[in-house]
Protein backbone atom coordinates (compact mmCIF):
# COMPACT_ATOMS: atom_id res chain seq x y z
CA MET A 1 147.36 22.33 143.99
CA VAL A 2 147.66 22.52 140.17
CA PRO A 3 149.48 19.58 138.59
CA ALA A 4 152.85 20.37 137.06
CA ALA A 5 151.82 19.40 133.51
CA THR A 6 148.80 21.61 133.57
CA HIS A 7 150.78 24.44 135.11
CA GLY A 8 153.37 24.09 132.40
CA THR A 9 150.75 24.07 129.66
CA LYS A 10 149.07 27.23 130.94
CA PHE A 11 152.20 29.24 131.26
CA GLY A 12 153.78 27.77 128.17
CA ALA A 13 150.98 28.74 125.79
CA ILE A 14 152.78 31.83 124.60
CA GLY A 15 155.96 29.90 124.00
CA LEU A 16 153.97 27.25 122.15
CA LEU A 17 152.42 29.90 119.91
CA ARG A 18 155.88 31.34 119.27
CA ARG A 19 157.21 27.97 118.21
CA HIS A 20 154.27 27.53 115.79
CA TRP A 21 154.24 31.09 114.51
CA SER A 22 154.25 29.86 110.90
CA LEU A 23 150.99 27.98 111.43
CA LEU A 24 149.49 30.96 113.19
CA GLY A 25 150.56 33.27 110.39
CA SER A 26 149.25 30.87 107.77
CA ALA A 27 145.86 30.80 109.54
CA GLY A 28 145.74 34.59 109.60
CA ILE A 29 146.66 34.79 105.92
CA ALA A 30 144.04 32.16 105.09
CA GLY A 31 141.41 34.15 106.97
CA ALA A 32 142.42 37.31 105.09
CA VAL A 33 142.25 35.49 101.74
CA VAL A 34 138.78 34.11 102.52
CA ALA A 35 137.58 37.54 103.67
CA ILE A 36 138.95 39.26 100.56
CA ALA A 37 137.38 36.61 98.33
CA TYR A 38 134.05 37.09 100.10
CA TYR A 39 134.33 40.87 99.75
CA LEU A 40 135.11 40.67 96.05
CA LEU A 41 132.88 37.79 94.97
CA SER A 42 129.76 38.06 97.16
CA PRO A 43 126.75 39.97 95.75
CA LYS A 44 126.74 43.71 96.42
CA TRP A 45 123.76 45.14 98.24
CA TYR A 46 122.61 48.75 97.87
CA GLN A 47 120.21 50.80 99.94
CA ALA A 48 117.88 53.64 98.88
CA GLU A 49 115.70 55.74 101.15
CA ILE A 50 112.98 58.35 101.09
CA MET A 51 112.05 60.83 103.82
CA ILE A 52 108.36 61.62 104.37
CA VAL A 53 107.04 64.67 106.22
CA PRO A 54 103.42 64.64 107.49
CA LYS A 55 101.30 67.60 106.56
CA GLU A 56 100.15 69.87 109.35
CA SER A 57 97.46 68.15 111.36
CA SER A 58 94.04 69.65 111.49
CA MET A 59 91.01 68.39 113.32
CA GLY A 60 88.64 66.69 110.99
CA GLY A 61 85.47 64.68 111.16
CA LEU A 62 82.95 65.15 113.88
CA ALA A 63 85.52 66.67 116.26
CA ALA A 64 85.94 69.63 113.90
CA VAL A 65 82.18 70.18 113.77
CA GLY A 66 81.92 70.03 117.54
CA SER A 67 84.78 72.49 117.93
CA MET A 68 83.20 74.94 115.49
CA LEU A 69 79.80 74.74 117.14
CA GLY A 70 81.15 75.07 120.63
CA GLN A 71 83.72 77.76 119.86
CA LEU A 72 85.62 76.48 122.89
CA PRO A 73 89.39 76.39 123.41
CA LEU A 74 90.42 72.82 122.71
CA ASP A 75 93.90 71.51 123.50
CA VAL A 76 94.42 68.44 121.35
CA GLY A 77 98.15 68.16 121.95
CA GLY A 78 99.79 69.26 118.72
CA SER A 79 103.01 67.31 119.18
CA ALA A 80 101.14 64.14 120.07
CA LEU A 81 98.93 64.49 116.99
CA MET A 82 101.90 65.04 114.72
CA SER A 83 103.72 62.08 116.26
CA SER A 84 100.68 59.87 115.74
CA ASP A 85 100.50 61.08 112.12
CA ALA A 86 104.08 59.94 111.52
CA GLU A 87 103.40 56.58 113.16
CA ARG A 88 100.22 56.19 111.11
CA ILE A 89 102.16 56.87 107.91
CA ALA A 90 104.78 54.29 108.87
CA GLY A 91 102.01 51.78 109.62
CA VAL A 92 100.40 52.29 106.22
CA LEU A 93 103.76 52.00 104.42
CA MET A 94 104.45 48.68 106.18
CA SER A 95 100.93 47.35 105.73
CA ARG A 96 100.12 44.13 103.93
CA SER A 97 98.27 45.86 101.08
CA THR A 98 101.19 48.21 100.41
CA GLY A 99 103.66 45.32 100.53
CA ASP A 100 101.55 43.23 98.15
CA ALA A 101 101.40 46.13 95.70
CA VAL A 102 105.20 46.40 95.73
CA ILE A 103 105.58 42.62 95.34
CA ALA A 104 103.26 42.62 92.34
CA LYS A 105 104.91 45.69 90.78
CA PHE A 106 108.47 44.29 90.88
CA ASP A 107 107.59 40.58 90.63
CA LEU A 108 109.43 39.93 93.87
CA MET A 109 108.26 36.32 94.14
CA SER A 110 110.36 35.48 91.11
CA ARG A 111 113.15 37.83 92.18
CA TYR A 112 113.42 36.24 95.62
CA GLY A 113 112.89 32.71 94.26
CA VAL A 114 109.82 31.87 96.34
CA ASP A 115 106.46 30.44 95.36
CA LYS A 116 104.41 31.68 98.34
CA ILE A 117 103.28 35.27 98.84
CA GLU A 118 103.93 34.92 102.58
CA HIS A 119 107.59 34.12 101.93
CA ALA A 120 107.86 37.06 99.56
CA ARG A 121 106.46 39.33 102.29
CA GLU A 122 108.99 38.01 104.80
CA ASN A 123 111.84 38.72 102.39
CA LEU A 124 110.45 42.16 101.58
CA TRP A 125 110.10 43.21 105.23
CA SER A 126 113.62 41.95 105.95
CA LEU A 127 114.94 44.27 103.23
CA CYS A 128 112.56 47.24 103.56
CA ALA A 129 111.68 49.05 106.76
CA ALA A 130 110.06 52.32 107.87
CA SER A 131 111.24 54.15 110.98
CA VAL A 132 109.80 57.19 112.74
CA GLU A 133 112.14 60.02 113.70
CA ARG A 134 110.29 61.49 116.68
CA LYS A 135 112.42 64.59 117.14
CA SER A 136 112.03 65.74 113.55
CA ASN A 137 108.60 64.09 113.16
CA THR A 138 109.53 62.43 109.89
CA VAL A 139 109.32 58.93 108.47
CA VAL A 140 112.34 57.35 106.78
CA LEU A 141 111.75 54.32 104.55
CA THR A 142 114.72 52.27 103.34
CA CYS A 143 114.86 49.47 100.76
CA GLU A 144 117.77 47.16 99.97
CA ASP A 145 118.47 45.21 96.80
CA LYS A 146 121.36 43.86 94.79
CA ASP A 147 120.40 46.19 91.94
CA PRO A 148 120.69 49.89 92.92
CA VAL A 149 118.04 50.84 90.35
CA VAL A 150 115.55 48.37 91.85
CA ALA A 151 116.32 49.59 95.38
CA ARG A 152 115.65 53.18 94.31
CA ASP A 153 112.46 52.33 92.39
CA MET A 154 111.09 50.21 95.25
CA ALA A 155 111.56 53.03 97.76
CA GLU A 156 109.85 55.50 95.41
CA TYR A 157 107.00 53.10 94.74
CA PHE A 158 106.43 52.61 98.47
CA GLY A 159 105.90 56.37 98.77
CA LYS A 160 103.56 56.41 95.78
CA VAL A 161 101.40 53.51 97.01
CA GLY A 162 101.26 54.97 100.52
CA ASP A 163 100.17 58.34 99.15
CA GLU A 164 97.42 56.71 97.07
CA GLY A 165 96.22 54.80 100.14
CA PHE A 166 96.05 57.93 102.22
CA ARG A 167 94.19 59.76 99.47
CA ARG A 168 91.56 57.01 99.45
CA ILE A 169 91.30 57.18 103.24
CA ALA A 170 91.03 60.97 103.25
CA THR A 171 88.42 60.96 100.48
CA SER A 172 86.39 58.31 102.30
CA LEU A 173 86.53 60.28 105.55
CA ALA A 174 85.54 63.46 103.72
CA ARG A 175 82.58 61.63 102.15
CA GLU A 176 81.39 60.27 105.51
CA GLU A 177 81.73 63.66 107.16
CA ARG A 178 80.00 65.34 104.22
CA GLU A 179 77.05 62.94 104.49
CA PHE A 180 76.78 63.61 108.23
CA LEU A 181 76.99 67.37 107.74
CA GLU A 182 74.47 67.27 104.90
CA LYS A 183 71.94 65.68 107.24
CA ARG A 184 72.87 68.02 110.08
CA THR A 185 72.65 71.09 107.82
CA THR A 186 69.14 70.09 106.73
CA GLU A 187 68.10 69.74 110.36
CA ALA A 188 69.67 73.11 111.19
CA ARG A 189 67.82 74.75 108.29
CA LEU A 190 64.48 73.38 109.54
CA ALA A 191 65.26 74.55 113.09
CA LEU A 192 66.15 78.00 111.75
CA ASP A 193 62.88 78.21 109.81
CA LYS A 194 60.97 77.14 112.91
CA ALA A 195 62.68 79.77 115.09
CA SER A 196 62.07 82.46 112.46
CA GLN A 197 58.40 81.50 112.19
CA ALA A 198 58.00 81.58 115.99
CA LEU A 199 59.44 85.10 116.16
CA ARG A 200 57.23 86.25 113.28
CA SER A 201 54.08 84.80 114.90
CA PHE A 202 54.93 86.45 118.20
CA GLN A 203 55.34 89.82 116.49
CA GLU A 204 52.08 89.43 114.56
CA ILE A 205 50.06 88.39 117.59
CA ASN A 206 51.39 91.19 119.76
CA LYS A 207 51.52 93.72 116.88
CA ILE A 208 55.24 94.36 117.42
CA ILE A 209 57.19 96.16 114.73
CA ASP A 210 59.98 97.74 116.74
CA LEU A 211 59.48 97.06 120.43
CA PRO A 212 61.98 99.64 121.77
CA GLU A 213 60.52 102.42 119.61
CA GLN A 214 56.97 101.33 120.36
CA SER A 215 57.77 101.32 124.09
CA LYS A 216 59.12 104.86 123.82
CA ALA A 217 55.99 105.88 121.92
CA VAL A 218 53.80 104.36 124.66
CA VAL A 219 55.63 106.29 127.36
CA SER A 220 55.38 109.51 125.33
CA ALA A 221 51.67 108.94 124.68
CA MET A 222 51.04 108.25 128.36
CA ALA A 223 52.84 111.43 129.29
CA ALA A 224 50.75 113.42 126.80
CA LEU A 225 47.54 111.81 128.07
CA GLU A 226 48.51 112.48 131.67
CA GLY A 227 49.19 116.12 130.77
CA ASP A 228 45.85 116.47 129.00
CA LEU A 229 44.09 114.76 131.91
CA ILE A 230 45.64 117.13 134.45
CA SER A 231 44.70 120.10 132.30
CA LYS A 232 41.09 118.91 131.97
CA ARG A 233 40.82 118.27 135.69
CA ILE A 234 42.06 121.77 136.41
CA GLN A 235 39.53 123.11 133.89
CA LEU A 236 36.75 121.06 135.50
CA SER A 237 37.73 122.30 138.93
CA TYR A 238 37.63 125.85 137.61
CA LEU A 239 34.17 125.37 136.03
CA SER A 240 32.73 123.81 139.16
CA GLY A 241 33.28 127.15 140.94
CA PHE A 242 30.71 129.10 138.94
CA VAL A 243 28.87 126.57 136.69
CA SER A 244 26.41 123.95 137.83
CA ARG A 245 26.96 120.29 137.10
CA SER A 246 24.02 120.29 134.75
CA GLU A 247 25.61 122.77 132.44
CA LEU A 248 26.65 121.46 129.02
CA SER A 249 30.23 122.75 129.31
CA PHE A 250 30.70 120.99 132.65
CA ALA A 251 29.35 117.69 131.27
CA GLN A 252 31.54 118.02 128.17
CA VAL A 253 34.75 118.53 130.16
CA ASN A 254 33.80 115.67 132.50
CA ARG A 255 33.24 113.43 129.47
CA GLN A 256 36.67 114.37 128.09
CA ILE A 257 38.26 113.48 131.44
CA GLN A 258 36.59 110.05 131.32
CA VAL A 259 37.84 109.43 127.79
CA LEU A 260 41.38 110.44 128.70
CA SER A 261 41.28 108.23 131.81
CA ASP A 262 40.10 105.22 129.80
CA GLU A 263 42.74 105.81 127.15
CA LEU A 264 45.46 106.13 129.81
CA GLN A 265 44.27 102.89 131.36
CA VAL A 266 44.47 101.18 127.96
CA ARG A 267 48.00 102.52 127.42
CA GLN A 268 49.07 101.39 130.84
CA GLN A 269 47.36 98.04 131.43
CA GLY A 270 45.59 97.18 128.20
CA ALA A 271 42.18 97.30 129.87
CA PRO A 272 39.27 97.90 127.49
CA ALA A 273 37.84 101.39 127.30
CA SER A 274 34.50 102.20 128.88
CA PRO A 275 31.45 101.34 126.75
CA GLY A 276 30.67 104.03 124.26
CA VAL A 277 34.14 105.62 124.52
CA GLU A 278 36.17 105.54 121.34
CA ARG A 279 39.92 104.90 121.57
CA ARG A 280 42.35 107.09 119.73
CA PRO A 281 43.30 105.94 116.26
CA GLY A 282 46.41 103.75 116.18
CA SER A 283 46.37 102.90 119.91
CA ALA A 284 46.17 99.16 119.10
CA LEU A 285 49.63 99.34 117.51
CA PHE A 286 51.24 100.16 120.85
CA PRO A 287 51.60 97.51 123.59
CA PRO A 288 50.38 98.32 127.09
CA ALA A 289 53.16 99.76 129.26
CA MET A 290 52.80 97.08 131.94
CA ASP A 291 53.17 94.32 129.32
CA VAL A 292 56.40 95.72 127.85
CA PRO A 293 58.81 93.91 130.28
CA ALA A 294 57.17 90.53 129.63
CA LEU A 295 57.05 91.15 125.87
CA HIS A 296 60.67 92.30 125.91
CA TYR A 297 61.75 89.13 127.81
CA GLN A 298 59.86 86.79 125.48
CA MET A 299 61.06 88.56 122.37
CA GLU A 300 64.67 88.47 123.57
CA GLY A 301 64.39 84.71 124.08
CA LEU A 302 62.92 84.18 120.62
CA TYR A 303 65.52 86.46 119.02
CA ARG A 304 68.36 84.74 120.87
CA GLU A 305 67.11 81.35 119.69
CA LEU A 306 66.93 82.68 116.15
CA LYS A 307 70.52 83.98 116.27
CA VAL A 308 71.79 80.68 117.70
CA ARG A 309 70.07 78.75 114.91
CA GLU A 310 71.49 81.17 112.34
CA THR A 311 75.04 80.70 113.70
CA VAL A 312 74.73 76.91 113.74
CA PHE A 313 73.36 76.87 110.23
CA PHE A 314 76.11 79.21 108.99
CA LEU A 315 78.93 77.12 110.52
CA LEU A 316 77.50 73.85 109.28
CA SER A 317 76.93 75.25 105.79
CA GLU A 318 80.47 76.61 105.64
CA ARG A 319 81.95 73.29 106.77
CA PHE A 320 79.67 71.36 104.42
CA GLU A 321 80.77 73.37 101.39
CA SER A 322 84.41 72.97 102.41
CA LEU A 323 84.01 69.21 102.62
CA ARG A 324 82.33 69.10 99.23
CA ILE A 325 85.42 70.78 97.80
CA ASP A 326 87.73 68.42 99.69
CA GLU A 327 85.80 65.39 98.46
CA ALA A 328 86.05 66.58 94.87
CA ARG A 329 89.81 67.02 94.93
CA ASP A 330 92.71 64.71 95.73
CA LEU A 331 93.83 64.76 99.35
CA SER A 332 97.26 63.87 100.66
CA THR A 333 98.37 63.43 104.24
CA PHE A 334 102.12 63.57 103.71
CA VAL A 335 104.79 64.90 101.39
CA VAL A 336 107.86 62.99 100.15
CA PHE A 337 110.52 65.54 101.06
CA ASP A 338 113.58 63.51 100.02
CA HIS A 339 112.99 61.28 97.00
CA ALA A 340 115.07 58.17 96.47
CA VAL A 341 118.26 58.61 94.48
CA LEU A 342 120.40 55.99 92.76
CA PRO A 343 122.73 54.56 95.44
CA THR A 344 126.40 54.26 94.45
CA HIS A 345 127.93 52.95 97.68
CA ARG A 346 127.13 49.39 98.68
CA ILE A 347 126.05 48.72 102.24
CA ARG A 348 127.36 45.16 102.34
CA PRO A 349 129.74 43.47 102.28
CA ARG A 350 131.90 46.21 103.76
CA GLY A 351 135.68 46.56 103.87
CA ARG A 352 135.80 45.76 107.57
CA VAL A 353 135.14 42.13 106.68
CA VAL A 354 138.90 41.79 105.87
CA PRO A 355 140.25 42.58 109.38
CA MET A 356 137.44 40.47 110.79
CA GLY A 357 138.58 37.58 108.55
CA ILE A 358 142.20 38.00 109.70
CA PHE A 359 141.09 37.97 113.33
CA ALA A 360 138.96 34.87 112.74
CA GLY A 361 141.92 33.13 111.02
CA LEU A 362 144.27 33.94 113.91
CA ALA A 363 141.70 32.70 116.41
CA LEU A 364 141.37 29.44 114.48
CA GLY A 365 145.18 29.12 114.40
CA VAL A 366 145.38 29.58 118.16
CA VAL A 367 142.78 26.86 118.63
CA LEU A 368 144.62 24.51 116.27
CA ILE A 369 147.87 25.04 118.16
CA LEU A 370 146.66 24.99 121.74
CA LEU A 371 143.93 22.35 121.50
CA PRO A 372 146.27 19.41 120.65
CA ALA A 373 148.70 20.53 123.39
CA TRP A 374 145.86 20.68 125.90
CA TRP A 375 144.69 17.25 124.83
CA ARG A 376 148.18 15.76 125.19
CA ASP A 377 148.55 17.38 128.60
CA LEU A 378 145.22 15.95 129.68
CA ALA A 379 146.18 12.48 128.47
CA ALA A 380 149.53 12.68 130.30
CA ARG A 381 147.86 13.65 133.58
CA GLN A 382 145.41 10.79 133.30
CA ALA A 383 148.27 8.33 132.63
CA ALA A 384 150.21 9.71 135.63
CA GLU A 385 147.19 9.27 137.88
CA ARG A 386 146.78 5.66 136.81
CA THR A 387 150.42 4.80 137.50
CA THR A 388 150.23 6.32 140.95
């Protein structure tokens, strides 16, 4: 059961506050006065910001070379790459080297009243921050200072230093990739020369000028030889009916049949002609018919290897020349879309500090009124307990 004094104190708090309304009002007025004085007399802080947009991502380095050589569909996740670009930009802007450059540029150690670079960095990072807007894939950097001009210039200088850092990184990457591609292009050129020499040697050894046309010529020559051979055999069969084998005409036709047979054998299988039989002029320029499939297969392999080496050399040379141009010029990974402007509206202290001061004053007044009453009530209960 709650003691009567305590019960009376709890339910009499409102009446107590009503009786001391002047004190409560004075506390509220005092809080308002303090808040207004703080709003008017405290230093004004201003904020400036820049918005950075990453350039469109493109595969670079060895991945780009591999993609070109393979000519394969490669899903690198465009949104993920762009998001990582924005995070990388924010990381560079908030890096120690970028912060030190800003500290040195604006003499922030003296401005913040510190004698250690670490303390200057802490103050700088408490007043400047970079955030990544994932939906729009942008980076927003804000800087605060009591001087609006300094806040604007610091934000702009952050963008400038970050851009210079990324240019150095991009140039260094282009140089490393160029050196790799230079070596790879030299190797590709040697491989191309080797493949070209192998094809040339194969053509010289096998006396190949135009294999399809030579093959057609071989087939045509074989058909002509076969026709001549049939004709001579018919003629020989005709002569054998009324001329003896010892006759000169019979021996001559028989000799012609032997020559045609040997030549047909040479055209077909590449076998040497019979001793004493002369081959037709130019027959050595045509490959034997039975060797054409094997020659065609080997030549296709050599030609395919040559075309592959040519394609690799062309792609590497094109990429190499592109990188030489990139290395010679300035590269930038992002663009400052919104530059910092001179801020005119202070970010703190804000006008809402006045109602907050009034509320704090009223709360203090309530405590000053109710705390003594609670203390007296507590003392009275303790005295009553002792008497009983």
